[in-house]
């Protein structure tokens, strides 16, 4: 993903950690000469081991400030395989997109089918009419970084302002 971002002239904005997939992604972008901005709450600087070699590291007071700055600085949002924090962050920005707070693409990099079970659950949520078809299509999914970025480039948010179509029973 890091190489794909840099090859397209895209910058990385992320949570600022030096560990896990996010740390590896930041390192890959930096190794390719790309720009990386990390945003990390002060309380997590030592807990998450803030990355010391970023282009820019912003230390904020709270997770809310972190996510607000990440949304403001980002052109789109991609979740790599991850845990609770990853899911919480991608679903929050996806919900913001659903509500029309931003028109930016949101996606999952579904490496080796990591998100297959989650995608099955989301299809179930749609079939049960908790998520509209239009909004279900807002979550872009690919297994390859370049394919996902291609889909991002062509993304057009849905125009419906309804959360659900009540005319279908």
C-alpha atoms as a PDB file:
ATOM      1  CA  UNK A   1       0.000   0.000   0.000  1.00  0.00           C
ATOM      2  CA  UNK A   2       2.846   2.391   0.824  1.00  0.00           C
ATOM      3  CA  UNK A   3       4.423   1.956  -2.596  1.00  0.00           C
ATOM      4  CA  UNK A   4       1.043   2.371  -4.309  1.00  0.00           C
ATOM      5  CA  UNK A   5       0.403   5.646  -2.444  1.00  0.00           C
ATOM      6  CA  UNK A   6       3.812   7.117  -3.272  1.00  0.00           C
ATOM      7  CA  UNK A   7       3.664   6.018  -6.928  1.00  0.00           C
ATOM      8  CA  UNK A   8       0.490   8.105  -7.278  1.00  0.00           C
ATOM      9  CA  UNK A   9       1.897  11.111  -5.442  1.00  0.00           C
ATOM     10  CA  UNK A  10      -0.393  10.573  -2.458  1.00  0.00           C
ATOM     11  CA  UNK A  11       0.546  11.344   1.124  1.00  0.00           C
ATOM     12  CA  UNK A  12      -0.208   9.181   4.153  1.00  0.00           C
ATOM     13  CA  UNK A  13      -2.151  10.527   7.130  1.00  0.00           C
ATOM     14  CA  UNK A  14      -2.452   7.978   9.923  1.00  0.00           C
ATOM     15  CA  UNK A  15      -2.445   7.452  13.689  1.00  0.00           C
ATOM     16  CA  UNK A  16       1.264   8.111  14.220  1.00  0.00           C
ATOM     17  CA  UNK A  17       2.393   4.763  15.691  1.00  0.00           C
ATOM     18  CA  UNK A  18       5.689   3.022  15.000  1.00  0.00           C
ATOM     19  CA  UNK A  19       4.283  -0.501  15.510  1.00  0.00           C
ATOM     20  CA  UNK A  20       2.079  -2.980  13.648  1.00  0.00           C
ATOM     21  CA  UNK A  21       0.829  -2.647  10.092  1.00  0.00           C
ATOM     22  CA  UNK A  22       0.466   1.100  10.468  1.00  0.00           C
ATOM     23  CA  UNK A  23       4.114   1.468  11.423  1.00  0.00           C
ATOM     24  CA  UNK A  24       5.120  -0.761   8.509  1.00  0.00           C
ATOM     25  CA  UNK A  25       2.953   1.300   6.152  1.00  0.00           C
ATOM     26  CA  UNK A  26       4.513   4.560   7.359  1.00  0.00           C
ATOM     27  CA  UNK A  27       7.997   3.078   6.935  1.00  0.00           C
ATOM     28  CA  UNK A  28       7.187   1.932   3.381  1.00  0.00           C
ATOM     29  CA  UNK A  29       5.944   5.404   2.404  1.00  0.00           C
ATOM     30  CA  UNK A  30       9.006   7.059   3.946  1.00  0.00           C
ATOM     31  CA  UNK A  31      11.396   4.583   2.258  1.00  0.00           C
ATOM     32  CA  UNK A  32       9.885   5.541  -1.097  1.00  0.00           C
ATOM     33  CA  UNK A  33      10.407   9.245  -0.368  1.00  0.00           C
ATOM     34  CA  UNK A  34       6.751   9.923   0.428  1.00  0.00           C
ATOM     35  CA  UNK A  35       5.261  12.293   2.990  1.00  0.00           C
ATOM     36  CA  UNK A  36       3.727  10.917   6.212  1.00  0.00           C
ATOM     37  CA  UNK A  37       1.718  12.843   8.789  1.00  0.00           C
ATOM     38  CA  UNK A  38       0.977  11.070  12.063  1.00  0.00           C
ATOM     39  CA  UNK A  39      -1.644  12.258  14.532  1.00  0.00           C
ATOM     40  CA  UNK A  40      -1.506  10.735  17.992  1.00  0.00           C
ATOM     41  CA  UNK A  41      -3.084  11.599  21.355  1.00  0.00           C
ATOM     42  CA  UNK A  42      -0.598  12.607  24.018  1.00  0.00           C
ATOM     43  CA  UNK A  43      -1.654   9.683  26.251  1.00  0.00           C
ATOM     44  CA  UNK A  44      -0.716   7.212  23.492  1.00  0.00           C
ATOM     45  CA  UNK A  45       2.669   8.676  22.569  1.00  0.00           C
ATOM     46  CA  UNK A  46       4.500   6.209  24.808  1.00  0.00           C
ATOM     47  CA  UNK A  47       1.838   3.463  24.795  1.00  0.00           C
ATOM     48  CA  UNK A  48       1.735   3.249  20.969  1.00  0.00           C
ATOM     49  CA  UNK A  49       5.374   4.221  20.576  1.00  0.00           C
ATOM     50  CA  UNK A  50       5.042   7.315  18.429  1.00  0.00           C
ATOM     51  CA  UNK A  51       6.965   7.028  15.160  1.00  0.00           C
ATOM     52  CA  UNK A  52      10.118   9.177  15.448  1.00  0.00           C
ATOM     53  CA  UNK A  53      10.856   9.521  11.713  1.00  0.00           C
ATOM     54  CA  UNK A  54       7.675  10.981  10.247  1.00  0.00           C
ATOM     55  CA  UNK A  55       7.513  14.011   8.011  1.00  0.00           C
ATOM     56  CA  UNK A  56       5.188  15.516  10.609  1.00  0.00           C
ATOM     57  CA  UNK A  57       3.931  14.225  13.967  1.00  0.00           C
ATOM     58  CA  UNK A  58       0.992  16.042  15.535  1.00  0.00           C
ATOM     59  CA  UNK A  59       0.312  15.366  19.194  1.00  0.00           C
ATOM     60  CA  UNK A  60      -3.285  16.096  20.201  1.00  0.00           C
ATOM     61  CA  UNK A  61      -5.171  15.874  23.493  1.00  0.00           C
ATOM     62  CA  UNK A  62      -7.831  13.267  22.648  1.00  0.00           C
ATOM     63  CA  UNK A  63      -8.950  10.542  20.282  1.00  0.00           C
ATOM     64  CA  UNK A  64     -11.728  12.870  19.125  1.00  0.00           C
ATOM     65  CA  UNK A  65      -9.174  15.501  18.099  1.00  0.00           C
ATOM     66  CA  UNK A  66      -7.089  12.801  16.408  1.00  0.00           C
ATOM     67  CA  UNK A  67      -9.990  11.585  14.278  1.00  0.00           C
ATOM     68  CA  UNK A  68     -11.171  15.112  13.462  1.00  0.00           C
ATOM     69  CA  UNK A  69      -7.701  16.102  12.225  1.00  0.00           C
ATOM     70  CA  UNK A  70      -7.314  12.855  10.279  1.00  0.00           C
ATOM     71  CA  UNK A  71     -10.661  13.481   8.563  1.00  0.00           C
ATOM     72  CA  UNK A  72      -9.744  17.073   7.786  1.00  0.00           C
ATOM     73  CA  UNK A  73      -6.350  16.213   6.269  1.00  0.00           C
ATOM     74  CA  UNK A  74      -7.352  13.061   4.367  1.00  0.00           C
ATOM     75  CA  UNK A  75      -8.736  12.681   0.850  1.00  0.00           C
ATOM     76  CA  UNK A  76     -10.021   9.173   1.635  1.00  0.00           C
ATOM     77  CA  UNK A  77      -9.880   6.424   4.236  1.00  0.00           C
ATOM     78  CA  UNK A  78      -8.478   2.905   3.950  1.00  0.00           C
ATOM     79  CA  UNK A  79      -8.536   0.246   6.658  1.00  0.00           C
ATOM     80  CA  UNK A  80      -5.844  -2.399   6.525  1.00  0.00           C
ATOM     81  CA  UNK A  81      -6.441  -5.608   8.478  1.00  0.00           C
ATOM     82  CA  UNK A  82      -6.769  -4.676  12.136  1.00  0.00           C
ATOM     83  CA  UNK A  83      -8.708  -4.898  15.358  1.00  0.00           C
ATOM     84  CA  UNK A  84     -11.237  -2.867  17.314  1.00  0.00           C
ATOM     85  CA  UNK A  85      -9.573   0.513  16.755  1.00  0.00           C
ATOM     86  CA  UNK A  86      -9.330  -0.054  13.008  1.00  0.00           C
ATOM     87  CA  UNK A  87     -12.975  -1.082  12.785  1.00  0.00           C
ATOM     88  CA  UNK A  88     -14.140   1.795  14.971  1.00  0.00           C
ATOM     89  CA  UNK A  89     -12.284   4.351  12.871  1.00  0.00           C
ATOM     90  CA  UNK A  90     -13.398   3.066   9.448  1.00  0.00           C
ATOM     91  CA  UNK A  91     -17.020   2.747  10.574  1.00  0.00           C
ATOM     92  CA  UNK A  92     -17.006   6.238  12.051  1.00  0.00           C
ATOM     93  CA  UNK A  93     -15.799   7.871   8.823  1.00  0.00           C
ATOM     94  CA  UNK A  94     -18.142   5.629   6.815  1.00  0.00           C
ATOM     95  CA  UNK A  95     -21.041   6.803   8.999  1.00  0.00           C
ATOM     96  CA  UNK A  96     -19.958  10.419   8.466  1.00  0.00           C
ATOM     97  CA  UNK A  97     -20.029   9.768   4.713  1.00  0.00           C
ATOM     98  CA  UNK A  98     -23.484   8.169   5.001  1.00  0.00           C
ATOM     99  CA  UNK A  99     -24.726  11.259   6.844  1.00  0.00           C
ATOM    100  CA  UNK A 100     -23.227  13.584   4.229  1.00  0.00           C
ATOM    101  CA  UNK A 101     -20.610  15.055   6.574  1.00  0.00           C
ATOM    102  CA  UNK A 102     -17.940  14.339   3.942  1.00  0.00           C
ATOM    103  CA  UNK A 103     -17.950  12.943   0.369  1.00  0.00           C
ATOM    104  CA  UNK A 104     -14.647  11.060   0.654  1.00  0.00           C
ATOM    105  CA  UNK A 105     -14.188   7.386  -0.279  1.00  0.00           C
ATOM    106  CA  UNK A 106     -13.909   4.772   2.468  1.00  0.00           C
ATOM    107  CA  UNK A 107     -12.461   1.340   1.848  1.00  0.00           C
ATOM    108  CA  UNK A 108     -11.108  -1.922   3.124  1.00  0.00           C
ATOM    109  CA  UNK A 109      -7.903  -3.472   1.850  1.00  0.00           C
ATOM    110  CA  UNK A 110      -9.131  -7.061   2.058  1.00  0.00           C
ATOM    111  CA  UNK A 111      -5.779  -8.836   2.087  1.00  0.00           C
ATOM    112  CA  UNK A 112      -6.116 -12.633   1.847  1.00  0.00           C
ATOM    113  CA  UNK A 113      -9.862 -12.364   2.574  1.00  0.00           C
ATOM    114  CA  UNK A 114      -9.276 -10.865   6.034  1.00  0.00           C
ATOM    115  CA  UNK A 115     -12.568  -8.935   5.916  1.00  0.00           C
ATOM    116  CA  UNK A 116     -14.691 -11.639   4.234  1.00  0.00           C
ATOM    117  CA  UNK A 117     -16.710 -12.438   7.378  1.00  0.00           C
ATOM    118  CA  UNK A 118     -17.299  -8.750   8.081  1.00  0.00           C
ATOM    119  CA  UNK A 119     -18.455  -8.251   4.492  1.00  0.00           C
ATOM    120  CA  UNK A 120     -20.882 -11.177   4.875  1.00  0.00           C
ATOM    121  CA  UNK A 121     -22.273  -9.535   8.009  1.00  0.00           C
ATOM    122  CA  UNK A 122     -22.660  -6.202   6.194  1.00  0.00           C
ATOM    123  CA  UNK A 123     -24.480  -7.971   3.331  1.00  0.00           C
ATOM    124  CA  UNK A 124     -26.783  -9.490   5.963  1.00  0.00           C
ATOM    125  CA  UNK A 125     -27.359  -6.016   7.470  1.00  0.00           C
ATOM    126  CA  UNK A 126     -28.306  -4.769   4.016  1.00  0.00           C
ATOM    127  CA  UNK A 127     -30.607  -7.739   3.347  1.00  0.00           C
ATOM    128  CA  UNK A 128     -32.321  -7.021   6.681  1.00  0.00           C
ATOM    129  CA  UNK A 129     -32.699  -3.361   5.595  1.00  0.00           C
ATOM    130  CA  UNK A 130     -30.560  -1.848   8.349  1.00  0.00           C
ATOM    131  CA  UNK A 131     -28.280  -0.480   5.622  1.00  0.00           C
ATOM    132  CA  UNK A 132     -29.589   0.766   2.271  1.00  0.00           C
ATOM    133  CA  UNK A 133     -28.175  -0.621  -0.967  1.00  0.00           C
ATOM    134  CA  UNK A 134     -26.861   2.841  -1.869  1.00  0.00           C
ATOM    135  CA  UNK A 135     -25.024   3.192   1.428  1.00  0.00           C
ATOM    136  CA  UNK A 136     -23.713  -0.389   1.355  1.00  0.00           C
ATOM    137  CA  UNK A 137     -21.956   0.535  -1.883  1.00  0.00           C
ATOM    138  CA  UNK A 138     -20.098   3.337  -0.110  1.00  0.00           C
ATOM    139  CA  UNK A 139     -17.649   0.852   1.428  1.00  0.00           C
ATOM    140  CA  UNK A 140     -15.141   0.104  -1.313  1.00  0.00           C
ATOM    141  CA  UNK A 141     -13.343  -3.229  -1.068  1.00  0.00           C
ATOM    142  CA  UNK A 142     -10.388  -4.661  -2.966  1.00  0.00           C
ATOM    143  CA  UNK A 143      -7.630  -7.129  -2.155  1.00  0.00           C
ATOM    144  CA  UNK A 144      -4.931  -5.214  -4.027  1.00  0.00           C
ATOM    145  CA  UNK A 145      -3.713  -1.701  -3.101  1.00  0.00           C
ATOM    146  CA  UNK A 146      -3.588  -0.417  -6.692  1.00  0.00           C
ATOM    147  CA  UNK A 147      -7.059  -1.791  -7.449  1.00  0.00           C
ATOM    148  CA  UNK A 148      -8.435  -0.095  -4.323  1.00  0.00           C
ATOM    149  CA  UNK A 149      -6.823   3.220  -5.222  1.00  0.00           C
ATOM    150  CA  UNK A 150      -8.239   2.918  -8.770  1.00  0.00           C
ATOM    151  CA  UNK A 151     -11.742   2.509  -7.282  1.00  0.00           C
ATOM    152  CA  UNK A 152     -11.080   5.498  -4.997  1.00  0.00           C
ATOM    153  CA  UNK A 153     -10.164   7.680  -7.995  1.00  0.00           C
ATOM    154  CA  UNK A 154     -13.534   6.960  -9.628  1.00  0.00           C
ATOM    155  CA  UNK A 155     -15.666   7.146  -6.486  1.00  0.00           C
ATOM    156  CA  UNK A 156     -18.858   9.187  -6.639  1.00  0.00           C
ATOM    157  CA  UNK A 157     -20.861   9.340  -3.399  1.00  0.00           C
ATOM    158  CA  UNK A 158     -24.533   8.389  -3.556  1.00  0.00           C
ATOM    159  CA  UNK A 159     -26.969  11.245  -4.003  1.00  0.00           C
ATOM    160  CA  UNK A 160     -29.796   9.840  -1.873  1.00  0.00           C
ATOM    161  CA  UNK A 161     -30.350  11.674   1.385  1.00  0.00           C
ATOM    162  CA  UNK A 162     -32.462   8.817   2.777  1.00  0.00           C
ATOM    163  CA  UNK A 163     -30.863   6.403   5.217  1.00  0.00           C
ATOM    164  CA  UNK A 164     -33.331   3.663   4.229  1.00  0.00           C
ATOM    165  CA  UNK A 165     -35.962   3.272   1.542  1.00  0.00           C
ATOM    166  CA  UNK A 166     -39.157   2.831   3.572  1.00  0.00           C
ATOM    167  CA  UNK A 167     -41.196   2.013   0.442  1.00  0.00           C
ATOM    168  CA  UNK A 168     -39.804  -1.558   0.397  1.00  0.00           C
ATOM    169  CA  UNK A 169     -41.331  -3.970   2.889  1.00  0.00           C
END
